[in-house]
PDB file of N, CA and C in Angstrom:
ATOM      1  N   MET A   1      15.563  -8.079  17.993  1.00  0.00           N
ATOM      2  CA  MET A   1      14.402  -7.539  18.361  1.00  0.00           C
ATOM      3  C   MET A   1      13.351  -8.666  17.773  1.00  0.00           C
ATOM      4  N   LEU A   2      12.293  -9.008  18.427  1.00  0.00           N
ATOM      5  CA  LEU A   2      11.404  -9.969  17.996  1.00  0.00           C
ATOM      6  C   LEU A   2      10.086  -9.233  17.789  1.00  0.00           C
ATOM      7  N   GLY A   3       9.285  -9.509  16.631  1.00  0.00           N
ATOM      8  CA  GLY A   3       8.066  -8.924  16.317  1.00  0.00           C
ATOM      9  C   GLY A   3       7.001  -9.613  16.951  1.00  0.00           C
ATOM     10  N   SER A   4       5.895  -9.164  17.126  1.00  0.00           N
ATOM     11  CA  SER A   4       4.722  -9.812  17.670  1.00  0.00           C
ATOM     12  C   SER A   4       3.698 -10.097  16.615  1.00  0.00           C
ATOM     13  N   MET A   5       3.967  -9.922  15.396  1.00  0.00           N
ATOM     14  CA  MET A   5       3.058 -10.169  14.355  1.00  0.00           C
ATOM     15  C   MET A   5       3.340 -11.310  13.363  1.00  0.00           C
ATOM     16  N   ALA A   6       2.467 -12.012  12.825  1.00  0.00           N
ATOM     17  CA  ALA A   6       2.941 -13.096  11.881  1.00  0.00           C
ATOM     18  C   ALA A   6       1.762 -13.003  10.795  1.00  0.00           C
ATOM     19  N   ALA A   7       2.319 -13.269   9.541  1.00  0.00           N
ATOM     20  CA  ALA A   7       1.491 -13.318   8.362  1.00  0.00           C
ATOM     21  C   ALA A   7       1.399 -14.839   7.898  1.00  0.00           C
ATOM     22  N   ILE A   8       0.242 -15.390   7.714  1.00  0.00           N
ATOM     23  CA  ILE A   8       0.131 -16.666   7.394  1.00  0.00           C
ATOM     24  C   ILE A   8      -0.557 -16.854   6.001  1.00  0.00           C
ATOM     25  N   LYS A   9       0.066 -17.440   5.087  1.00  0.00           N
ATOM     26  CA  LYS A   9      -0.512 -17.486   3.737  1.00  0.00           C
ATOM     27  C   LYS A   9      -1.808 -18.496   3.740  1.00  0.00           C
ATOM     28  N   LEU A  10      -2.758 -18.064   3.087  1.00  0.00           N
ATOM     29  CA  LEU A  10      -3.987 -18.908   2.917  1.00  0.00           C
ATOM     30  C   LEU A  10      -3.899 -19.664   1.609  1.00  0.00           C
ATOM     31  N   PRO A  11      -4.616 -20.720   1.508  1.00  0.00           N
ATOM     32  CA  PRO A  11      -4.647 -21.522   0.207  1.00  0.00           C
ATOM     33  C   PRO A  11      -5.099 -20.563  -0.952  1.00  0.00           C
ATOM     34  N   ALA A  12      -4.495 -20.707  -2.112  1.00  0.00           N
ATOM     35  CA  ALA A  12      -4.876 -19.808  -3.236  1.00  0.00           C
ATOM     36  C   ALA A  12      -6.400 -20.042  -3.723  1.00  0.00           C
ATOM     37  N   THR A  13      -6.937 -21.189  -3.235  1.00  0.00           N
ATOM     38  CA  THR A  13      -8.322 -21.347  -3.447  1.00  0.00           C
ATOM     39  C   THR A  13      -9.238 -20.237  -2.851  1.00  0.00           C
ATOM     40  N   MET A  14      -8.645 -19.537  -1.737  1.00  0.00           N
ATOM     41  CA  MET A  14      -9.407 -18.765  -0.980  1.00  0.00           C
ATOM     42  C   MET A  14      -9.456 -17.326  -1.560  1.00  0.00           C
ATOM     43  N   ALA A  15      -8.701 -17.093  -2.684  1.00  0.00           N
ATOM     44  CA  ALA A  15      -8.685 -15.803  -3.341  1.00  0.00           C
ATOM     45  C   ALA A  15     -10.034 -15.455  -3.779  1.00  0.00           C
ATOM     46  N   PRO A  16     -10.413 -14.180  -3.776  1.00  0.00           N
ATOM     47  CA  PRO A  16     -11.709 -13.745  -4.421  1.00  0.00           C
ATOM     48  C   PRO A  16     -11.827 -14.036  -5.772  1.00  0.00           C
ATOM     49  N   ALA A  17     -12.916 -14.722  -6.111  1.00  0.00           N
ATOM     50  CA  ALA A  17     -13.182 -15.069  -7.642  1.00  0.00           C
ATOM     51  C   ALA A  17     -13.223 -13.874  -8.469  1.00  0.00           C
ATOM     52  N   CYS A  18     -13.622 -12.705  -7.924  1.00  0.00           N
ATOM     53  CA  CYS A  18     -13.771 -11.500  -8.847  1.00  0.00           C
ATOM     54  C   CYS A  18     -12.476 -10.823  -8.956  1.00  0.00           C
ATOM     55  N   GLY A  19     -11.338 -11.357  -8.475  1.00  0.00           N
ATOM     56  CA  GLY A  19     -10.023 -10.534  -8.722  1.00  0.00           C
ATOM     57  C   GLY A  19      -9.824  -9.621  -7.405  1.00  0.00           C
ATOM     58  N   PRO A  20      -9.163  -8.497  -7.703  1.00  0.00           N
ATOM     59  CA  PRO A  20      -8.834  -7.725  -6.558  1.00  0.00           C
ATOM     60  C   PRO A  20     -10.150  -7.111  -5.832  1.00  0.00           C
ATOM     61  N   ILE A  21      -9.895  -6.861  -4.587  1.00  0.00           N
ATOM     62  CA  ILE A  21     -10.887  -6.412  -3.672  1.00  0.00           C
ATOM     63  C   ILE A  21     -10.911  -4.937  -3.642  1.00  0.00           C
ATOM     64  N   HIS A  22     -11.926  -4.242  -3.676  1.00  0.00           N
ATOM     65  CA  HIS A  22     -11.922  -2.784  -3.445  1.00  0.00           C
ATOM     66  C   HIS A  22     -11.456  -2.493  -2.117  1.00  0.00           C
ATOM     67  N   PRO A  23     -10.703  -1.358  -1.993  1.00  0.00           N
ATOM     68  CA  PRO A  23     -10.058  -1.108  -0.720  1.00  0.00           C
ATOM     69  C   PRO A  23     -10.947  -0.926   0.449  1.00  0.00           C
ATOM     70  N   LEU A  24     -12.186  -0.640   0.195  1.00  0.00           N
ATOM     71  CA  LEU A  24     -13.169  -0.472   1.344  1.00  0.00           C
ATOM     72  C   LEU A  24     -14.029  -1.645   1.709  1.00  0.00           C
ATOM     73  N   ARG A  25     -13.676  -2.841   1.011  1.00  0.00           N
ATOM     74  CA  ARG A  25     -14.387  -4.084   1.372  1.00  0.00           C
ATOM     75  C   ARG A  25     -13.431  -4.995   1.924  1.00  0.00           C
ATOM     76  N   THR A  26     -14.022  -6.043   2.613  1.00  0.00           N
ATOM     77  CA  THR A  26     -13.196  -6.940   3.285  1.00  0.00           C
ATOM     78  C   THR A  26     -13.043  -8.207   2.342  1.00  0.00           C
ATOM     79  N   HIS A  27     -11.854  -8.863   2.584  1.00  0.00           N
ATOM     80  CA  HIS A  27     -11.704 -10.220   2.087  1.00  0.00           C
ATOM     81  C   HIS A  27     -12.752 -11.175   2.415  1.00  0.00           C
ATOM     82  N   PRO A  28     -13.220 -12.038   1.355  1.00  0.00           N
ATOM     83  CA  PRO A  28     -14.260 -12.944   1.839  1.00  0.00           C
ATOM     84  C   PRO A  28     -14.029 -13.816   3.053  1.00  0.00           C
ATOM     85  N   VAL A  29     -12.655 -14.232   3.289  1.00  0.00           N
ATOM     86  CA  VAL A  29     -12.447 -15.046   4.408  1.00  0.00           C
ATOM     87  C   VAL A  29     -12.677 -14.262   5.746  1.00  0.00           C
ATOM     88  N   GLN A  30     -12.122 -12.967   5.594  1.00  0.00           N
ATOM     89  CA  GLN A  30     -12.223 -12.026   6.707  1.00  0.00           C
ATOM     90  C   GLN A  30     -13.847 -11.841   7.139  1.00  0.00           C
ATOM     91  N   HIS A  31     -14.639 -11.690   6.069  1.00  0.00           N
ATOM     92  CA  HIS A  31     -15.995 -11.451   6.226  1.00  0.00           C
ATOM     93  C   HIS A  31     -16.621 -12.732   6.833  1.00  0.00           C
ATOM     94  N   ARG A  32     -16.328 -13.912   6.308  1.00  0.00           N
ATOM     95  CA  ARG A  32     -17.008 -15.238   6.918  1.00  0.00           C
ATOM     96  C   ARG A  32     -16.476 -15.409   8.333  1.00  0.00           C
ATOM     97  N   LEU A  33     -15.222 -15.175   8.734  1.00  0.00           N
ATOM     98  CA  LEU A  33     -14.763 -15.307  10.006  1.00  0.00           C
ATOM     99  C   LEU A  33     -15.679 -14.397  10.935  1.00  0.00           C
ATOM    100  N   HIS A  34     -15.816 -13.297  10.591  1.00  0.00           N
ATOM    101  CA  HIS A  34     -16.501 -12.211  11.378  1.00  0.00           C
ATOM    102  C   HIS A  34     -18.089 -12.671  11.419  1.00  0.00           C
ATOM    103  N   GLU A  35     -18.733 -12.944  10.373  1.00  0.00           N
ATOM    104  CA  GLU A  35     -20.132 -13.321  10.369  1.00  0.00           C
ATOM    105  C   GLU A  35     -20.411 -14.619  10.995  1.00  0.00           C
ATOM    106  N   ARG A  36     -19.661 -15.732  10.772  1.00  0.00           N
ATOM    107  CA  ARG A  36     -19.898 -16.885  11.259  1.00  0.00           C
ATOM    108  C   ARG A  36     -19.345 -17.226  12.804  1.00  0.00           C
ATOM    109  N   TYR A  37     -18.220 -16.607  13.014  1.00  0.00           N
ATOM    110  CA  TYR A  37     -17.652 -16.985  14.344  1.00  0.00           C
ATOM    111  C   TYR A  37     -17.353 -15.681  15.276  1.00  0.00           C
ATOM    112  N   ALA A  38     -17.752 -14.555  14.757  1.00  0.00           N
ATOM    113  CA  ALA A  38     -17.422 -13.373  15.445  1.00  0.00           C
ATOM    114  C   ALA A  38     -16.033 -13.154  15.802  1.00  0.00           C
ATOM    115  N   VAL A  39     -15.173 -13.507  14.818  1.00  0.00           N
ATOM    116  CA  VAL A  39     -13.605 -13.379  14.922  1.00  0.00           C
ATOM    117  C   VAL A  39     -13.292 -12.130  14.089  1.00  0.00           C
ATOM    118  N   GLU A  40     -12.436 -11.267  14.695  1.00  0.00           N
ATOM    119  CA  GLU A  40     -12.059 -10.054  13.931  1.00  0.00           C
ATOM    120  C   GLU A  40     -10.608 -10.219  13.619  1.00  0.00           C
ATOM    121  N   VAL A  41     -10.228 -10.530  12.345  1.00  0.00           N
ATOM    122  CA  VAL A  41      -8.783 -10.666  11.997  1.00  0.00           C
ATOM    123  C   VAL A  41      -8.513 -10.068  10.568  1.00  0.00           C
ATOM    124  N   PRO A  42      -7.491  -9.284  10.385  1.00  0.00           N
ATOM    125  CA  PRO A  42      -7.380  -8.880   8.904  1.00  0.00           C
ATOM    126  C   PRO A  42      -6.953  -9.905   7.918  1.00  0.00           C
ATOM    127  N   VAL A  43      -7.472  -9.915   6.773  1.00  0.00           N
ATOM    128  CA  VAL A  43      -7.008 -10.733   5.771  1.00  0.00           C
ATOM    129  C   VAL A  43      -6.576  -9.775   4.570  1.00  0.00           C
ATOM    130  N   TYR A  44      -5.371  -9.966   4.004  1.00  0.00           N
ATOM    131  CA  TYR A  44      -4.932  -9.134   2.846  1.00  0.00           C
ATOM    132  C   TYR A  44      -4.540  -9.975   1.685  1.00  0.00           C
ATOM    133  N   LEU A  45      -4.804  -9.371   0.504  1.00  0.00           N
ATOM    134  CA  LEU A  45      -4.259  -9.784  -0.812  1.00  0.00           C
ATOM    135  C   LEU A  45      -2.894  -9.119  -0.863  1.00  0.00           C
ATOM    136  N   TRP A  46      -1.944 -10.033  -0.910  1.00  0.00           N
ATOM    137  CA  TRP A  46      -0.523  -9.450  -1.120  1.00  0.00           C
ATOM    138  C   TRP A  46       0.422 -10.443  -1.748  1.00  0.00           C
ATOM    139  N   PRO A  47       1.227 -10.157  -2.698  1.00  0.00           N
ATOM    140  CA  PRO A  47       1.205  -8.851  -3.285  1.00  0.00           C
ATOM    141  C   PRO A  47      -0.024  -8.619  -4.281  1.00  0.00           C
ATOM    142  N   GLY A  48      -0.789  -9.656  -4.445  1.00  0.00           N
ATOM    143  CA  GLY A  48      -1.997  -9.595  -5.207  1.00  0.00           C
ATOM    144  C   GLY A  48      -2.576 -10.865  -5.404  1.00  0.00           C
ATOM    145  N   PRO A  49      -3.871 -10.961  -5.929  1.00  0.00           N
ATOM    146  CA  PRO A  49      -4.453 -12.291  -6.123  1.00  0.00           C
ATOM    147  C   PRO A  49      -3.525 -13.220  -6.925  1.00  0.00           C
ATOM    148  N   PRO A  50      -3.588 -14.449  -6.644  1.00  0.00           N
ATOM    149  CA  PRO A  50      -4.349 -15.172  -5.593  1.00  0.00           C
ATOM    150  C   PRO A  50      -3.706 -15.317  -4.271  1.00  0.00           C
ATOM    151  N   ASP A  51      -2.684 -14.512  -4.029  1.00  0.00           N
ATOM    152  CA  ASP A  51      -1.995 -14.600  -2.663  1.00  0.00           C
ATOM    153  C   ASP A  51      -2.733 -13.857  -1.490  1.00  0.00           C
ATOM    154  N   SER A  52      -3.171 -14.517  -0.574  1.00  0.00           N
ATOM    155  CA  SER A  52      -3.853 -13.870   0.558  1.00  0.00           C
ATOM    156  C   SER A  52      -3.206 -14.277   1.879  1.00  0.00           C
ATOM    157  N   TYR A  53      -3.258 -13.382   2.702  1.00  0.00           N
ATOM    158  CA  TYR A  53      -2.475 -13.563   3.940  1.00  0.00           C
ATOM    159  C   TYR A  53      -3.425 -13.188   5.193  1.00  0.00           C
ATOM    160  N   ILE A  54      -3.458 -13.974   6.274  1.00  0.00           N
ATOM    161  CA  ILE A  54      -4.118 -13.610   7.459  1.00  0.00           C
ATOM    162  C   ILE A  54      -3.080 -13.075   8.300  1.00  0.00           C
ATOM    163  N   ARG A  55      -3.435 -11.955   9.093  1.00  0.00           N
ATOM    164  CA  ARG A  55      -2.363 -11.394   9.880  1.00  0.00           C
ATOM    165  C   ARG A  55      -2.814 -11.550  11.338  1.00  0.00           C
ATOM    166  N   ILE A  56      -2.022 -12.129  12.177  1.00  0.00           N
ATOM    167  CA  ILE A  56      -2.343 -12.066  13.607  1.00  0.00           C
ATOM    168  C   ILE A  56      -1.234 -11.469  14.509  1.00  0.00           C
ATOM    169  N   SER A  57      -1.467 -11.123  15.648  1.00  0.00           N
ATOM    170  CA  SER A  57      -0.463 -10.452  16.444  1.00  0.00           C
ATOM    171  C   SER A  57      -0.648 -11.091  17.829  1.00  0.00           C
ATOM    172  N   ALA A  58       0.601 -11.247  18.396  1.00  0.00           N
ATOM    173  CA  ALA A  58       0.541 -11.869  19.787  1.00  0.00           C
ATOM    174  C   ALA A  58       0.901 -10.741  20.690  1.00  0.00           C
ATOM    175  N   HIS A  59       0.063 -10.423  21.638  1.00  0.00           N
ATOM    176  CA  HIS A  59       0.263  -9.504  22.601  1.00  0.00           C
ATOM    177  C   HIS A  59      -0.281  -9.915  24.015  1.00  0.00           C
ATOM    178  N   ALA A  60       0.051  -9.318  25.044  1.00  0.00           N
ATOM    179  CA  ALA A  60      -0.303  -9.634  26.237  1.00  0.00           C
ATOM    180  C   ALA A  60      -1.706  -9.755  26.660  1.00  0.00           C
ATOM    181  N   TYR A  61      -2.544  -9.022  25.820  1.00  0.00           N
ATOM    182  CA  TYR A  61      -4.075  -8.984  26.094  1.00  0.00           C
ATOM    183  C   TYR A  61      -4.721 -10.212  25.173  1.00  0.00           C
ATOM    184  N   ASN A  62      -3.963 -10.990  24.480  1.00  0.00           N
ATOM    185  CA  ASN A  62      -4.532 -12.162  23.747  1.00  0.00           C
ATOM    186  C   ASN A  62      -4.221 -13.385  24.553  1.00  0.00           C
ATOM    187  N   THR A  63      -5.195 -14.331  24.557  1.00  0.00           N
ATOM    188  CA  THR A  63      -4.834 -15.568  25.150  1.00  0.00           C
ATOM    189  C   THR A  63      -4.777 -16.727  24.296  1.00  0.00           C
ATOM    190  N   ALA A  64      -4.110 -17.906  24.860  1.00  0.00           N
ATOM    191  CA  ALA A  64      -4.116 -19.087  23.991  1.00  0.00           C
ATOM    192  C   ALA A  64      -5.318 -19.435  23.545  1.00  0.00           C
ATOM    193  N   ASP A  65      -6.458 -19.418  24.317  1.00  0.00           N
ATOM    194  CA  ASP A  65      -7.749 -19.896  23.914  1.00  0.00           C
ATOM    195  C   ASP A  65      -8.287 -19.071  22.654  1.00  0.00           C
ATOM    196  N   GLN A  66      -7.854 -17.944  22.622  1.00  0.00           N
ATOM    197  CA  GLN A  66      -8.335 -16.985  21.360  1.00  0.00           C
ATOM    198  C   GLN A  66      -7.689 -17.553  20.189  1.00  0.00           C
ATOM    199  N   TYR A  67      -6.388 -18.053  20.228  1.00  0.00           N
ATOM    200  CA  TYR A  67      -5.703 -18.473  19.153  1.00  0.00           C
ATOM    201  C   TYR A  67      -6.189 -20.002  18.768  1.00  0.00           C
ATOM    202  N   HIS A  68      -6.639 -20.748  19.693  1.00  0.00           N
ATOM    203  CA  HIS A  68      -7.246 -22.025  19.455  1.00  0.00           C
ATOM    204  C   HIS A  68      -8.713 -21.726  18.736  1.00  0.00           C
ATOM    205  N   ARG A  69      -9.369 -20.750  19.187  1.00  0.00           N
ATOM    206  CA  ARG A  69     -10.621 -20.341  18.606  1.00  0.00           C
ATOM    207  C   ARG A  69     -10.427 -19.963  17.118  1.00  0.00           C
ATOM    208  N   LEU A  70      -9.475 -19.089  16.863  1.00  0.00           N
ATOM    209  CA  LEU A  70      -9.150 -18.648  15.602  1.00  0.00           C
ATOM    210  C   LEU A  70      -8.891 -19.868  14.691  1.00  0.00           C
ATOM    211  N   ALA A  71      -8.106 -20.818  15.070  1.00  0.00           N
ATOM    212  CA  ALA A  71      -7.693 -21.970  14.343  1.00  0.00           C
ATOM    213  C   ALA A  71      -8.958 -22.825  14.069  1.00  0.00           C
ATOM    214  N   GLU A  72      -9.774 -23.026  14.973  1.00  0.00           N
ATOM    215  CA  GLU A  72     -11.021 -23.701  14.742  1.00  0.00           C
ATOM    216  C   GLU A  72     -11.955 -22.994  13.789  1.00  0.00           C
ATOM    217  N   ALA A  73     -12.024 -21.645  13.841  1.00  0.00           N
ATOM    218  CA  ALA A  73     -12.834 -20.881  12.911  1.00  0.00           C
ATOM    219  C   ALA A  73     -12.116 -20.871  11.523  1.00  0.00           C
ATOM    220  N   LEU A  74     -10.961 -20.829  11.364  1.00  0.00           N
ATOM    221  CA  LEU A  74     -10.298 -20.970  10.122  1.00  0.00           C
ATOM    222  C   LEU A  74     -10.472 -22.322   9.469  1.00  0.00           C
ATOM    223  N   ALA A  75     -10.506 -23.324  10.184  1.00  0.00           N
ATOM    224  CA  ALA A  75     -10.651 -24.701   9.790  1.00  0.00           C
ATOM    225  C   ALA A  75     -12.146 -24.754   9.162  1.00  0.00           C
ATOM    226  N   GLY A  76     -13.068 -24.201   9.928  1.00  0.00           N
ATOM    227  CA  GLY A  76     -14.486 -24.105   9.304  1.00  0.00           C
ATOM    228  C   GLY A  76     -14.671 -23.334   8.201  1.00  0.00           C
ATOM    229  N   VAL A  77     -13.971 -22.264   7.987  1.00  0.00           N
ATOM    230  CA  VAL A  77     -14.015 -21.329   6.885  1.00  0.00           C
ATOM    231  C   VAL A  77     -13.300 -22.027   5.724  1.00  0.00           C
ATOM    232  N   LEU A  78     -12.229 -22.504   5.835  1.00  0.00           N
ATOM    233  CA  LEU A  78     -11.265 -23.040   4.736  1.00  0.00           C
ATOM    234  C   LEU A  78     -11.807 -24.366   4.314  1.00  0.00           C
ATOM    235  N   ALA A  79     -12.561 -25.105   5.027  1.00  0.00           N
ATOM    236  CA  ALA A  79     -12.948 -26.491   4.684  1.00  0.00           C
ATOM    237  C   ALA A  79     -13.809 -26.504   3.465  1.00  0.00           C
ATOM    238  N   PRO A  80     -13.695 -27.318   2.471  1.00  0.00           N
ATOM    239  CA  PRO A  80     -14.347 -27.388   1.149  1.00  0.00           C
ATOM    240  C   PRO A  80     -15.849 -27.737   1.588  1.00  0.00           C
ATOM    241  N   HIS A  81     -16.740 -27.043   0.912  1.00  0.00           N
ATOM    242  CA  HIS A  81     -18.226 -27.262   1.238  1.00  0.00           C
ATOM    243  C   HIS A  81     -18.827 -28.226   0.252  1.00  0.00           C
TER     244      HIS A  81
END
């Protein structure tokens, strides 16, 4: 059986500077993706800081263009400023 989800580890530099995130707040990367690119994707601290993962799922309703857009948005968010 093959799953349709993947977790991709983000660079440790993307961990929140303040330590663990309150359960009702979003990860800074998730927030930036949404605010700057209108991309909605979950980002989790696991098993805890500084380890952060982005979780994507591949389903029939997602298109290749959406994954390319996510990759471009991630590149913009993860690029050093």
